[in-house]
Amino acid sequence: MLQRNDVLLKLDGRDIESDGTVEFRKNEKTDFNFINQEKNMDRR
């Protein structure tokens, strides 16, 4: 469980960069919240 002041380094197997981005496609990055949106779409 996440607690206040925890730092996420990886989410769903993807490294989270210090600027809060993850690799989306080769040489393209997007905000790490994209992973949550992507997962929610898979559940529908």
C-alpha atoms as a PDB file:
ATOM      1  CA  MET A   1       0.000   0.000   0.000  1.00  0.00           C
ATOM      2  CA  LEU A   2       1.283   3.446  -0.862  1.00  0.00           C
ATOM      3  CA  GLN A   3       1.842   5.890   1.928  1.00  0.00           C
ATOM      4  CA  ARG A   4       2.411   9.616   1.964  1.00  0.00           C
ATOM      5  CA  ASN A   5       5.900  10.536   0.710  1.00  0.00           C
ATOM      6  CA  ASP A   6       6.439   7.161  -1.006  1.00  0.00           C
ATOM      7  CA  VAL A   7       8.324   7.443  -4.279  1.00  0.00           C
ATOM      8  CA  LEU A   8       7.291   5.307  -7.240  1.00  0.00           C
ATOM      9  CA  LEU A   9      10.221   4.028  -9.270  1.00  0.00           C
ATOM     10  CA  LYS A  10       8.382   1.471 -11.363  1.00  0.00           C
ATOM     11  CA  LEU A  11       4.739   0.822 -12.230  1.00  0.00           C
ATOM     12  CA  ASP A  12       3.442  -2.265 -14.037  1.00  0.00           C
ATOM     13  CA  GLY A  13       6.999  -3.198 -15.000  1.00  0.00           C
ATOM     14  CA  ARG A  14       7.809   0.207 -16.488  1.00  0.00           C
ATOM     15  CA  ASP A  15      10.478   2.477 -15.031  1.00  0.00           C
ATOM     16  CA  ILE A  16       9.237   5.891 -13.929  1.00  0.00           C
ATOM     17  CA  GLU A  17      11.740   8.626 -14.725  1.00  0.00           C
ATOM     18  CA  SER A  18      12.536  11.427 -12.279  1.00  0.00           C
ATOM     19  CA  ASP A  19      10.279  13.764 -14.281  1.00  0.00           C
ATOM     20  CA  GLY A  20       7.270  11.429 -13.836  1.00  0.00           C
ATOM     21  CA  THR A  21       7.309  10.004 -17.354  1.00  0.00           C
ATOM     22  CA  VAL A  22       7.396   6.437 -18.675  1.00  0.00           C
ATOM     23  CA  GLU A  23       8.409   5.130 -22.062  1.00  0.00           C
ATOM     24  CA  PHE A  24       5.293   4.968 -24.224  1.00  0.00           C
ATOM     25  CA  ARG A  25       6.824   3.908 -27.514  1.00  0.00           C
ATOM     26  CA  LYS A  26      10.467   3.594 -28.456  1.00  0.00           C
ATOM     27  CA  ASN A  27      12.013   7.029 -27.829  1.00  0.00           C
ATOM     28  CA  GLU A  28       8.634   8.511 -26.809  1.00  0.00           C
ATOM     29  CA  LYS A  29       7.617   9.291 -23.248  1.00  0.00           C
ATOM     30  CA  THR A  30       4.345  10.153 -21.573  1.00  0.00           C
ATOM     31  CA  ASP A  31       3.100  10.885 -18.055  1.00  0.00           C
ATOM     32  CA  PHE A  32       3.105   7.800 -15.808  1.00  0.00           C
ATOM     33  CA  ASN A  33      -0.648   8.205 -15.240  1.00  0.00           C
ATOM     34  CA  PHE A  34      -1.019   6.836 -18.763  1.00  0.00           C
ATOM     35  CA  ILE A  35      -0.349   3.352 -17.331  1.00  0.00           C
ATOM     36  CA  ASN A  36      -3.419   3.618 -15.086  1.00  0.00           C
ATOM     37  CA  GLN A  37      -5.568   4.818 -17.968  1.00  0.00           C
ATOM     38  CA  GLU A  38      -4.262   2.009 -20.163  1.00  0.00           C
ATOM     39  CA  LYS A  39      -5.055  -0.596 -17.477  1.00  0.00           C
ATOM     40  CA  ASN A  40      -8.573   0.756 -16.978  1.00  0.00           C
ATOM     41  CA  MET A  41      -9.235   0.465 -20.721  1.00  0.00           C
ATOM     42  CA  ASP A  42      -8.100  -3.184 -20.640  1.00  0.00           C
ATOM     43  CA  ARG A  43     -10.625  -3.977 -17.899  1.00  0.00           C
ATOM     44  CA  ARG A  44     -13.617  -2.824 -19.956  1.00  0.00           C
END
